[in-house]
Amino acid sequence: MSALRDLKYGQWFRGADTDGDGFITRKDVRAMSERYIAARGTAPDSATARRLTEGMDEFWTNVIAPMDQDGDGKVDLREMTEGFKRALTDPARFPEQIEPVTNCFFDLVDLNGNGKIEQAEFQLMFNSISGVPGEGCAEVFAALDRDGSGALDRTEFHQAVSEFFYGDDPDAPANHLFGRATA
């Protein structure tokens, strides 16, 4: 595991720790979905809101909660980083480990349902889910839009998520997918 991945995982952790208490809890994961539901202007009792909430609950249960080594119901940065290090060892396992969540997330971010994520949709995700301010979002988006089409297709989005979680290239555009990865 590289120091770069530790930085990226730390950035992801800071976005997921919605209340800033140094832990990710079920409440934090639910708050991420609530922020996104509110940012989308979706009614909290809509099918889309229920789908996102259920998906985030599954994410907590299947991905984050198992990282809780001491059984206290919350995951600190060390537990999460060690959990990612154990789970994300082989990029060839992306289809089983991350792709299903990424597909669901792509569909939710694609507000107009055109099969692409435009910059405005990406900005909304960047700000609301990750809790990361928009500075640099246009630059990150342009770097992830590898074909220069002005939108991220599903392949580009998967490539970005895979590069973020598995990559060790310090110049990879996806290093900043969840905000500027800094020490």
N, C-alpha and C. Protein backbone atom coordinates (compact mmCIF):
# COMPACT_ATOMS: atom_id res chain seq x y z
N MET A 1 0.86 -1.18 0.00
CA MET A 1 0.00 0.00 0.00
C MET A 1 0.90 1.23 0.00
N SER A 2 0.57 2.15 -0.83
CA SER A 2 1.41 3.34 -0.97
C SER A 2 0.96 4.47 -0.05
N ALA A 3 1.87 5.38 0.16
CA ALA A 3 1.55 6.58 0.93
C ALA A 3 0.48 7.40 0.20
N LEU A 4 0.52 7.36 -1.13
CA LEU A 4 -0.48 8.08 -1.92
C LEU A 4 -1.88 7.52 -1.64
N ARG A 5 -2.02 6.23 -1.62
CA ARG A 5 -3.34 5.64 -1.32
C ARG A 5 -3.77 6.01 0.10
N ASP A 6 -2.85 6.03 1.03
CA ASP A 6 -3.20 6.46 2.39
C ASP A 6 -3.77 7.88 2.37
N LEU A 7 -3.15 8.77 1.58
CA LEU A 7 -3.64 10.15 1.47
C LEU A 7 -5.05 10.17 0.86
N LYS A 8 -5.23 9.40 -0.20
CA LYS A 8 -6.54 9.37 -0.86
C LYS A 8 -7.60 8.81 0.07
N TYR A 9 -7.29 7.74 0.76
CA TYR A 9 -8.25 7.15 1.68
C TYR A 9 -8.58 8.13 2.81
N GLY A 10 -7.57 8.88 3.25
CA GLY A 10 -7.80 9.90 4.27
C GLY A 10 -8.75 10.98 3.77
N GLN A 11 -8.60 11.37 2.50
CA GLN A 11 -9.50 12.37 1.92
C GLN A 11 -10.92 11.82 1.86
N TRP A 12 -11.04 10.57 1.44
CA TRP A 12 -12.37 9.96 1.38
C TRP A 12 -12.97 9.92 2.79
N PHE A 13 -12.16 9.55 3.77
CA PHE A 13 -12.62 9.47 5.15
C PHE A 13 -13.14 10.82 5.63
N ARG A 14 -12.39 11.90 5.36
CA ARG A 14 -12.81 13.23 5.82
C ARG A 14 -14.16 13.61 5.22
N GLY A 15 -14.41 13.23 3.97
CA GLY A 15 -15.71 13.52 3.36
C GLY A 15 -16.82 12.67 3.96
N ALA A 16 -16.51 11.43 4.31
CA ALA A 16 -17.51 10.52 4.86
C ALA A 16 -17.82 10.81 6.33
N ASP A 17 -16.88 11.40 7.04
CA ASP A 17 -17.08 11.76 8.45
C ASP A 17 -17.87 13.07 8.50
N THR A 18 -19.17 12.98 8.24
CA THR A 18 -19.98 14.18 8.02
C THR A 18 -20.07 15.10 9.24
N ASP A 19 -19.96 14.55 10.43
CA ASP A 19 -20.04 15.41 11.62
C ASP A 19 -18.67 15.80 12.16
N GLY A 20 -17.61 15.32 11.51
CA GLY A 20 -16.25 15.73 11.87
C GLY A 20 -15.77 15.24 13.22
N ASP A 21 -16.34 14.14 13.73
CA ASP A 21 -15.93 13.66 15.05
C ASP A 21 -14.79 12.65 15.02
N GLY A 22 -14.26 12.37 13.82
CA GLY A 22 -13.14 11.44 13.71
C GLY A 22 -13.54 10.00 13.52
N PHE A 23 -14.83 9.77 13.28
CA PHE A 23 -15.34 8.42 13.08
C PHE A 23 -16.37 8.43 11.95
N ILE A 24 -16.49 7.31 11.27
CA ILE A 24 -17.60 7.10 10.34
C ILE A 24 -18.57 6.16 11.04
N THR A 25 -19.80 6.60 11.12
CA THR A 25 -20.86 5.80 11.74
C THR A 25 -21.99 5.62 10.72
N ARG A 26 -22.94 4.80 11.08
CA ARG A 26 -24.13 4.64 10.23
C ARG A 26 -24.78 6.01 10.01
N LYS A 27 -24.79 6.83 11.05
CA LYS A 27 -25.38 8.17 10.96
C LYS A 27 -24.65 9.01 9.90
N ASP A 28 -23.33 8.92 9.84
CA ASP A 28 -22.57 9.66 8.83
C ASP A 28 -22.94 9.20 7.42
N VAL A 29 -23.02 7.89 7.24
CA VAL A 29 -23.34 7.34 5.93
C VAL A 29 -24.74 7.77 5.52
N ARG A 30 -25.65 7.76 6.46
CA ARG A 30 -27.02 8.21 6.17
C ARG A 30 -27.01 9.72 5.86
N ALA A 31 -26.20 10.49 6.56
CA ALA A 31 -26.13 11.94 6.31
C ALA A 31 -25.62 12.23 4.90
N MET A 32 -24.70 11.40 4.39
CA MET A 32 -24.24 11.60 3.01
C MET A 32 -25.41 11.47 2.05
N SER A 33 -26.26 10.48 2.25
CA SER A 33 -27.40 10.32 1.35
C SER A 33 -28.39 11.46 1.54
N GLU A 34 -28.61 11.89 2.77
CA GLU A 34 -29.54 12.99 3.02
C GLU A 34 -29.06 14.29 2.36
N ARG A 35 -27.74 14.54 2.42
CA ARG A 35 -27.20 15.74 1.75
C ARG A 35 -27.45 15.68 0.26
N TYR A 36 -27.24 14.50 -0.32
CA TYR A 36 -27.42 14.37 -1.75
C TYR A 36 -28.89 14.46 -2.14
N ILE A 37 -29.76 13.87 -1.37
CA ILE A 37 -31.20 13.95 -1.62
C ILE A 37 -31.63 15.42 -1.59
N ALA A 38 -31.16 16.15 -0.60
CA ALA A 38 -31.51 17.57 -0.49
C ALA A 38 -30.94 18.37 -1.66
N ALA A 39 -29.69 18.08 -2.03
CA ALA A 39 -29.05 18.81 -3.13
C ALA A 39 -29.76 18.55 -4.45
N ARG A 40 -30.25 17.34 -4.64
CA ARG A 40 -30.98 16.99 -5.86
C ARG A 40 -32.36 17.61 -5.88
N GLY A 41 -32.85 18.05 -4.74
CA GLY A 41 -34.21 18.55 -4.66
C GLY A 41 -35.23 17.43 -4.73
N THR A 42 -34.81 16.24 -4.33
CA THR A 42 -35.66 15.06 -4.36
C THR A 42 -36.45 14.97 -3.06
N ALA A 43 -37.71 14.65 -3.16
CA ALA A 43 -38.53 14.47 -1.96
C ALA A 43 -37.97 13.31 -1.15
N PRO A 44 -37.84 13.48 0.16
CA PRO A 44 -37.27 12.42 1.00
C PRO A 44 -38.02 11.09 0.94
N ASP A 45 -39.31 11.11 0.57
CA ASP A 45 -40.07 9.87 0.49
C ASP A 45 -40.22 9.34 -0.93
N SER A 46 -39.45 9.90 -1.88
CA SER A 46 -39.52 9.46 -3.27
C SER A 46 -38.80 8.13 -3.47
N ALA A 47 -39.08 7.50 -4.59
CA ALA A 47 -38.42 6.23 -4.91
C ALA A 47 -36.91 6.42 -5.03
N THR A 48 -36.49 7.54 -5.62
CA THR A 48 -35.06 7.81 -5.77
C THR A 48 -34.40 7.97 -4.41
N ALA A 49 -35.05 8.69 -3.51
CA ALA A 49 -34.49 8.88 -2.17
C ALA A 49 -34.41 7.55 -1.42
N ARG A 50 -35.46 6.75 -1.53
CA ARG A 50 -35.44 5.43 -0.88
C ARG A 50 -34.32 4.56 -1.44
N ARG A 51 -34.15 4.59 -2.76
CA ARG A 51 -33.10 3.78 -3.40
C ARG A 51 -31.72 4.20 -2.91
N LEU A 52 -31.49 5.50 -2.85
CA LEU A 52 -30.19 5.99 -2.38
C LEU A 52 -29.99 5.63 -0.92
N THR A 53 -31.00 5.84 -0.09
CA THR A 53 -30.88 5.53 1.34
C THR A 53 -30.63 4.05 1.55
N GLU A 54 -31.35 3.21 0.83
CA GLU A 54 -31.13 1.76 0.94
C GLU A 54 -29.73 1.38 0.47
N GLY A 55 -29.28 1.99 -0.62
CA GLY A 55 -27.93 1.71 -1.12
C GLY A 55 -26.86 2.13 -0.13
N MET A 56 -27.06 3.28 0.51
CA MET A 56 -26.07 3.74 1.49
C MET A 56 -26.13 2.88 2.75
N ASP A 57 -27.31 2.42 3.12
CA ASP A 57 -27.41 1.50 4.27
C ASP A 57 -26.67 0.19 3.97
N GLU A 58 -26.82 -0.32 2.74
CA GLU A 58 -26.09 -1.52 2.35
C GLU A 58 -24.58 -1.26 2.34
N PHE A 59 -24.19 -0.07 1.89
CA PHE A 59 -22.78 0.31 1.88
C PHE A 59 -22.23 0.28 3.32
N TRP A 60 -23.00 0.82 4.26
CA TRP A 60 -22.58 0.78 5.67
C TRP A 60 -22.44 -0.68 6.13
N THR A 61 -23.47 -1.46 5.90
CA THR A 61 -23.51 -2.83 6.40
C THR A 61 -22.44 -3.72 5.78
N ASN A 62 -22.25 -3.60 4.47
CA ASN A 62 -21.37 -4.52 3.75
C ASN A 62 -19.93 -4.05 3.59
N VAL A 63 -19.71 -2.74 3.66
CA VAL A 63 -18.36 -2.22 3.41
C VAL A 63 -17.75 -1.59 4.66
N ILE A 64 -18.42 -0.65 5.25
CA ILE A 64 -17.83 0.12 6.36
C ILE A 64 -17.91 -0.62 7.70
N ALA A 65 -19.08 -1.09 8.08
CA ALA A 65 -19.23 -1.74 9.40
C ALA A 65 -18.25 -2.89 9.62
N PRO A 66 -17.97 -3.73 8.61
CA PRO A 66 -17.00 -4.80 8.84
C PRO A 66 -15.58 -4.32 9.17
N MET A 67 -15.31 -3.05 8.93
CA MET A 67 -13.98 -2.50 9.26
C MET A 67 -13.86 -2.16 10.74
N ASP A 68 -14.97 -2.16 11.45
CA ASP A 68 -15.01 -1.80 12.87
C ASP A 68 -14.35 -2.91 13.69
N GLN A 69 -13.05 -2.79 13.89
CA GLN A 69 -12.27 -3.83 14.55
C GLN A 69 -12.56 -3.97 16.04
N ASP A 70 -12.91 -2.86 16.69
CA ASP A 70 -13.12 -2.95 18.14
C ASP A 70 -14.59 -3.08 18.52
N GLY A 71 -15.49 -3.15 17.52
CA GLY A 71 -16.90 -3.39 17.79
C GLY A 71 -17.65 -2.26 18.47
N ASP A 72 -17.14 -1.02 18.35
CA ASP A 72 -17.79 0.09 19.02
C ASP A 72 -18.85 0.80 18.17
N GLY A 73 -19.13 0.26 16.98
CA GLY A 73 -20.16 0.84 16.13
C GLY A 73 -19.71 2.03 15.32
N LYS A 74 -18.41 2.28 15.32
CA LYS A 74 -17.87 3.38 14.54
C LYS A 74 -16.50 2.99 14.01
N VAL A 75 -16.12 3.62 12.91
CA VAL A 75 -14.87 3.28 12.24
C VAL A 75 -13.99 4.52 12.20
N ASP A 76 -12.78 4.40 12.77
CA ASP A 76 -11.86 5.53 12.72
C ASP A 76 -10.98 5.41 11.48
N LEU A 77 -10.14 6.40 11.26
CA LEU A 77 -9.31 6.44 10.06
C LEU A 77 -8.41 5.22 9.96
N ARG A 78 -7.82 4.80 11.08
CA ARG A 78 -6.94 3.63 11.06
C ARG A 78 -7.71 2.38 10.65
N GLU A 79 -8.87 2.17 11.26
CA GLU A 79 -9.68 0.99 10.93
C GLU A 79 -10.08 1.00 9.45
N MET A 80 -10.49 2.17 8.96
CA MET A 80 -10.91 2.25 7.57
C MET A 80 -9.74 2.00 6.62
N THR A 81 -8.61 2.62 6.89
CA THR A 81 -7.44 2.44 6.03
C THR A 81 -7.00 0.98 6.03
N GLU A 82 -6.94 0.36 7.20
CA GLU A 82 -6.58 -1.06 7.27
C GLU A 82 -7.61 -1.92 6.56
N GLY A 83 -8.89 -1.55 6.68
CA GLY A 83 -9.94 -2.29 5.99
C GLY A 83 -9.80 -2.19 4.48
N PHE A 84 -9.52 -0.99 3.98
CA PHE A 84 -9.29 -0.83 2.54
C PHE A 84 -8.05 -1.61 2.11
N LYS A 85 -7.02 -1.59 2.93
CA LYS A 85 -5.79 -2.31 2.59
C LYS A 85 -6.05 -3.81 2.48
N ARG A 86 -6.88 -4.35 3.37
CA ARG A 86 -7.22 -5.78 3.32
C ARG A 86 -8.11 -6.10 2.13
N ALA A 87 -9.08 -5.25 1.87
CA ALA A 87 -10.10 -5.56 0.86
C ALA A 87 -9.68 -5.21 -0.56
N LEU A 88 -8.95 -4.13 -0.71
CA LEU A 88 -8.67 -3.62 -2.05
C LEU A 88 -7.24 -3.95 -2.47
N THR A 89 -6.95 -5.21 -2.54
CA THR A 89 -5.59 -5.65 -2.86
C THR A 89 -5.39 -5.95 -4.34
N ASP A 90 -6.46 -6.19 -5.07
CA ASP A 90 -6.33 -6.64 -6.46
C ASP A 90 -7.31 -5.88 -7.35
N PRO A 91 -6.81 -5.02 -8.26
CA PRO A 91 -7.70 -4.29 -9.15
C PRO A 91 -8.59 -5.18 -10.01
N ALA A 92 -8.18 -6.41 -10.24
CA ALA A 92 -8.99 -7.33 -11.03
C ALA A 92 -10.30 -7.66 -10.30
N ARG A 93 -10.36 -7.37 -9.00
CA ARG A 93 -11.58 -7.65 -8.23
C ARG A 93 -12.53 -6.46 -8.21
N PHE A 94 -12.20 -5.39 -8.94
CA PHE A 94 -13.07 -4.22 -9.02
C PHE A 94 -14.52 -4.60 -9.35
N PRO A 95 -14.75 -5.47 -10.36
CA PRO A 95 -16.14 -5.80 -10.71
C PRO A 95 -16.97 -6.36 -9.55
N GLU A 96 -16.35 -7.08 -8.66
CA GLU A 96 -17.12 -7.64 -7.54
C GLU A 96 -17.08 -6.74 -6.31
N GLN A 97 -16.00 -5.98 -6.11
CA GLN A 97 -15.85 -5.20 -4.89
C GLN A 97 -16.50 -3.82 -4.98
N ILE A 98 -16.32 -3.13 -6.09
CA ILE A 98 -16.70 -1.73 -6.15
C ILE A 98 -17.69 -1.43 -7.27
N GLU A 99 -17.62 -2.15 -8.36
CA GLU A 99 -18.44 -1.83 -9.52
C GLU A 99 -19.94 -1.74 -9.23
N PRO A 100 -20.53 -2.65 -8.45
CA PRO A 100 -21.97 -2.53 -8.20
C PRO A 100 -22.36 -1.21 -7.51
N VAL A 101 -21.56 -0.79 -6.52
CA VAL A 101 -21.83 0.47 -5.83
C VAL A 101 -21.61 1.63 -6.80
N THR A 102 -20.57 1.54 -7.61
CA THR A 102 -20.26 2.60 -8.57
C THR A 102 -21.38 2.72 -9.60
N ASN A 103 -21.92 1.61 -10.06
CA ASN A 103 -23.04 1.67 -11.02
C ASN A 103 -24.25 2.35 -10.41
N CYS A 104 -24.59 1.99 -9.20
CA CYS A 104 -25.72 2.61 -8.52
C CYS A 104 -25.48 4.10 -8.35
N PHE A 105 -24.29 4.45 -7.92
CA PHE A 105 -23.95 5.85 -7.71
C PHE A 105 -23.99 6.62 -9.03
N PHE A 106 -23.45 6.02 -10.10
CA PHE A 106 -23.48 6.68 -11.42
C PHE A 106 -24.92 7.01 -11.80
N ASP A 107 -25.81 6.04 -11.65
CA ASP A 107 -27.21 6.25 -12.02
C ASP A 107 -27.85 7.36 -11.19
N LEU A 108 -27.48 7.47 -9.94
CA LEU A 108 -28.04 8.51 -9.09
C LEU A 108 -27.47 9.89 -9.42
N VAL A 109 -26.21 9.95 -9.80
CA VAL A 109 -25.58 11.23 -10.14
C VAL A 109 -26.07 11.72 -11.51
N ASP A 110 -26.38 10.80 -12.40
CA ASP A 110 -26.87 11.13 -13.74
C ASP A 110 -28.32 11.61 -13.62
N LEU A 111 -28.47 12.87 -13.21
CA LEU A 111 -29.79 13.41 -12.88
C LEU A 111 -30.77 13.37 -14.04
N ASN A 112 -30.29 13.64 -15.25
CA ASN A 112 -31.20 13.70 -16.39
C ASN A 112 -31.36 12.34 -17.09
N GLY A 113 -30.66 11.32 -16.60
CA GLY A 113 -30.82 9.98 -17.11
C GLY A 113 -30.34 9.76 -18.53
N ASN A 114 -29.36 10.58 -18.97
CA ASN A 114 -28.88 10.46 -20.34
C ASN A 114 -27.67 9.53 -20.48
N GLY A 115 -27.30 8.84 -19.40
CA GLY A 115 -26.17 7.91 -19.46
C GLY A 115 -24.81 8.58 -19.36
N LYS A 116 -24.80 9.85 -18.97
CA LYS A 116 -23.55 10.59 -18.82
C LYS A 116 -23.67 11.49 -17.59
N ILE A 117 -22.53 11.81 -17.00
CA ILE A 117 -22.50 12.76 -15.89
C ILE A 117 -21.87 14.04 -16.41
N GLU A 118 -22.69 15.08 -16.51
CA GLU A 118 -22.19 16.39 -16.93
C GLU A 118 -21.49 17.07 -15.75
N GLN A 119 -20.80 18.15 -16.05
CA GLN A 119 -20.04 18.84 -15.00
C GLN A 119 -20.94 19.33 -13.87
N ALA A 120 -22.12 19.85 -14.18
CA ALA A 120 -23.02 20.33 -13.13
C ALA A 120 -23.45 19.19 -12.21
N GLU A 121 -23.71 18.02 -12.78
CA GLU A 121 -24.09 16.85 -11.98
C GLU A 121 -22.91 16.40 -11.12
N PHE A 122 -21.72 16.42 -11.70
CA PHE A 122 -20.51 16.05 -10.97
C PHE A 122 -20.29 17.03 -9.82
N GLN A 123 -20.47 18.33 -10.08
CA GLN A 123 -20.30 19.36 -9.05
C GLN A 123 -21.25 19.11 -7.88
N LEU A 124 -22.49 18.76 -8.20
CA LEU A 124 -23.47 18.49 -7.16
C LEU A 124 -23.01 17.32 -6.30
N MET A 125 -22.54 16.25 -6.94
CA MET A 125 -22.04 15.08 -6.21
C MET A 125 -20.82 15.45 -5.38
N PHE A 126 -19.91 16.17 -6.01
CA PHE A 126 -18.65 16.56 -5.37
C PHE A 126 -18.93 17.32 -4.07
N ASN A 127 -19.88 18.26 -4.13
CA ASN A 127 -20.19 19.09 -2.96
C ASN A 127 -21.02 18.36 -1.92
N SER A 128 -22.04 17.64 -2.35
CA SER A 128 -22.99 17.11 -1.37
C SER A 128 -22.60 15.78 -0.77
N ILE A 129 -22.18 14.84 -1.57
CA ILE A 129 -21.83 13.52 -1.03
C ILE A 129 -20.52 13.58 -0.27
N SER A 130 -19.53 14.15 -0.90
CA SER A 130 -18.20 14.16 -0.29
C SER A 130 -18.02 15.29 0.70
N GLY A 131 -18.93 16.25 0.70
CA GLY A 131 -18.79 17.39 1.60
C GLY A 131 -17.55 18.21 1.28
N VAL A 132 -17.17 18.20 0.02
CA VAL A 132 -15.95 18.87 -0.40
C VAL A 132 -16.33 20.12 -1.17
N PRO A 133 -15.74 21.26 -0.83
CA PRO A 133 -16.06 22.48 -1.57
C PRO A 133 -15.66 22.36 -3.04
N GLY A 134 -16.30 23.17 -3.87
CA GLY A 134 -16.15 23.07 -5.31
C GLY A 134 -14.86 23.58 -5.91
N GLU A 135 -13.98 24.17 -5.13
CA GLU A 135 -12.73 24.65 -5.69
C GLU A 135 -12.00 23.49 -6.37
N GLY A 136 -11.65 23.70 -7.61
CA GLY A 136 -10.91 22.68 -8.32
C GLY A 136 -11.77 21.63 -8.98
N CYS A 137 -13.08 21.68 -8.78
CA CYS A 137 -13.97 20.66 -9.34
C CYS A 137 -13.89 20.64 -10.87
N ALA A 138 -13.89 21.81 -11.49
CA ALA A 138 -13.84 21.87 -12.96
C ALA A 138 -12.55 21.23 -13.47
N GLU A 139 -11.46 21.47 -12.78
CA GLU A 139 -10.17 20.90 -13.17
C GLU A 139 -10.18 19.37 -13.03
N VAL A 140 -10.71 18.89 -11.94
CA VAL A 140 -10.80 17.43 -11.72
C VAL A 140 -11.71 16.82 -12.77
N PHE A 141 -12.86 17.45 -13.01
CA PHE A 141 -13.81 16.93 -13.99
C PHE A 141 -13.16 16.86 -15.38
N ALA A 142 -12.49 17.92 -15.78
CA ALA A 142 -11.85 17.95 -17.11
C ALA A 142 -10.81 16.84 -17.23
N ALA A 143 -10.07 16.59 -16.17
CA ALA A 143 -9.05 15.53 -16.22
C ALA A 143 -9.69 14.14 -16.30
N LEU A 144 -10.84 13.96 -15.66
CA LEU A 144 -11.51 12.66 -15.69
C LEU A 144 -12.22 12.42 -17.02
N ASP A 145 -12.59 13.49 -17.69
CA ASP A 145 -13.26 13.40 -18.99
C ASP A 145 -12.21 13.14 -20.06
N ARG A 146 -11.76 11.92 -20.09
CA ARG A 146 -10.62 11.54 -20.93
C ARG A 146 -10.86 11.70 -22.42
N ASP A 147 -12.11 11.58 -22.87
CA ASP A 147 -12.38 11.73 -24.30
C ASP A 147 -12.74 13.16 -24.68
N GLY A 148 -12.79 14.07 -23.69
CA GLY A 148 -13.06 15.48 -23.97
C GLY A 148 -14.48 15.77 -24.42
N SER A 149 -15.41 14.89 -24.11
CA SER A 149 -16.78 15.04 -24.57
C SER A 149 -17.60 16.05 -23.76
N GLY A 150 -17.07 16.48 -22.61
CA GLY A 150 -17.83 17.38 -21.75
C GLY A 150 -18.70 16.64 -20.75
N ALA A 151 -18.59 15.31 -20.73
CA ALA A 151 -19.36 14.50 -19.79
C ALA A 151 -18.58 13.21 -19.51
N LEU A 152 -18.85 12.63 -18.36
CA LEU A 152 -18.24 11.35 -18.01
C LEU A 152 -19.22 10.24 -18.38
N ASP A 153 -18.77 9.31 -19.20
CA ASP A 153 -19.60 8.14 -19.45
C ASP A 153 -19.31 7.12 -18.35
N ARG A 154 -20.05 6.04 -18.37
CA ARG A 154 -19.92 5.03 -17.31
C ARG A 154 -18.49 4.46 -17.27
N THR A 155 -17.88 4.26 -18.42
CA THR A 155 -16.51 3.72 -18.47
C THR A 155 -15.53 4.68 -17.82
N GLU A 156 -15.64 5.97 -18.13
CA GLU A 156 -14.74 6.96 -17.53
C GLU A 156 -14.95 7.04 -16.02
N PHE A 157 -16.20 6.94 -15.59
CA PHE A 157 -16.50 7.00 -14.16
C PHE A 157 -15.91 5.79 -13.44
N HIS A 158 -16.09 4.61 -14.03
CA HIS A 158 -15.50 3.40 -13.43
C HIS A 158 -13.98 3.50 -13.40
N GLN A 159 -13.41 4.01 -14.46
CA GLN A 159 -11.95 4.15 -14.51
C GLN A 159 -11.48 5.09 -13.39
N ALA A 160 -12.21 6.17 -13.17
CA ALA A 160 -11.83 7.13 -12.13
C ALA A 160 -11.92 6.49 -10.74
N VAL A 161 -13.00 5.79 -10.46
CA VAL A 161 -13.17 5.16 -9.14
C VAL A 161 -12.11 4.09 -8.93
N SER A 162 -11.86 3.28 -9.95
CA SER A 162 -10.83 2.24 -9.85
C SER A 162 -9.46 2.86 -9.62
N GLU A 163 -9.17 3.90 -10.36
CA GLU A 163 -7.88 4.59 -10.22
C GLU A 163 -7.73 5.18 -8.83
N PHE A 164 -8.83 5.72 -8.29
CA PHE A 164 -8.78 6.30 -6.95
C PHE A 164 -8.45 5.24 -5.91
N PHE A 165 -9.19 4.14 -5.91
CA PHE A 165 -9.04 3.14 -4.86
C PHE A 165 -7.82 2.23 -5.02
N TYR A 166 -7.40 1.97 -6.25
CA TYR A 166 -6.31 1.03 -6.48
C TYR A 166 -5.02 1.67 -6.97
N GLY A 167 -5.09 2.89 -7.46
CA GLY A 167 -3.95 3.48 -8.16
C GLY A 167 -2.86 4.05 -7.27
N ASP A 168 -1.65 4.02 -7.80
CA ASP A 168 -0.49 4.57 -7.12
C ASP A 168 0.24 5.63 -7.94
N ASP A 169 -0.35 6.05 -9.07
CA ASP A 169 0.26 7.06 -9.92
C ASP A 169 0.01 8.44 -9.32
N PRO A 170 1.06 9.15 -8.91
CA PRO A 170 0.85 10.45 -8.26
C PRO A 170 0.24 11.50 -9.19
N ASP A 171 0.28 11.27 -10.50
CA ASP A 171 -0.26 12.24 -11.45
C ASP A 171 -1.64 11.85 -11.98
N ALA A 172 -2.21 10.78 -11.47
CA ALA A 172 -3.51 10.32 -11.95
C ALA A 172 -4.60 11.34 -11.61
N PRO A 173 -5.44 11.67 -12.57
CA PRO A 173 -6.49 12.66 -12.31
C PRO A 173 -7.48 12.24 -11.23
N ALA A 174 -7.70 10.95 -11.07
CA ALA A 174 -8.70 10.49 -10.10
C ALA A 174 -8.21 10.58 -8.66
N ASN A 175 -6.97 10.94 -8.44
CA ASN A 175 -6.49 11.09 -7.06
C ASN A 175 -7.34 12.09 -6.29
N HIS A 176 -7.96 13.02 -7.00
CA HIS A 176 -8.71 14.10 -6.37
C HIS A 176 -10.23 13.94 -6.56
N LEU A 177 -10.65 12.72 -6.84
CA LEU A 177 -12.06 12.43 -7.09
C LEU A 177 -12.94 12.88 -5.93
N PHE A 178 -12.46 12.74 -4.71
CA PHE A 178 -13.24 13.12 -3.53
C PHE A 178 -12.64 14.35 -2.85
N GLY A 179 -12.04 15.22 -3.62
CA GLY A 179 -11.41 16.42 -3.11
C GLY A 179 -9.90 16.30 -3.18
N ARG A 180 -9.24 17.39 -2.98
CA ARG A 180 -7.80 17.46 -3.07
C ARG A 180 -7.17 16.56 -2.02
N ALA A 181 -6.45 15.54 -2.45
CA ALA A 181 -5.79 14.61 -1.53
C ALA A 181 -4.50 15.24 -1.03
N THR A 182 -4.52 15.63 0.23
CA THR A 182 -3.37 16.28 0.85
C THR A 182 -3.09 15.67 2.21
N ALA A 183 -1.88 15.84 2.64
CA ALA A 183 -1.48 15.30 3.96
C ALA A 183 -2.11 16.08 5.08
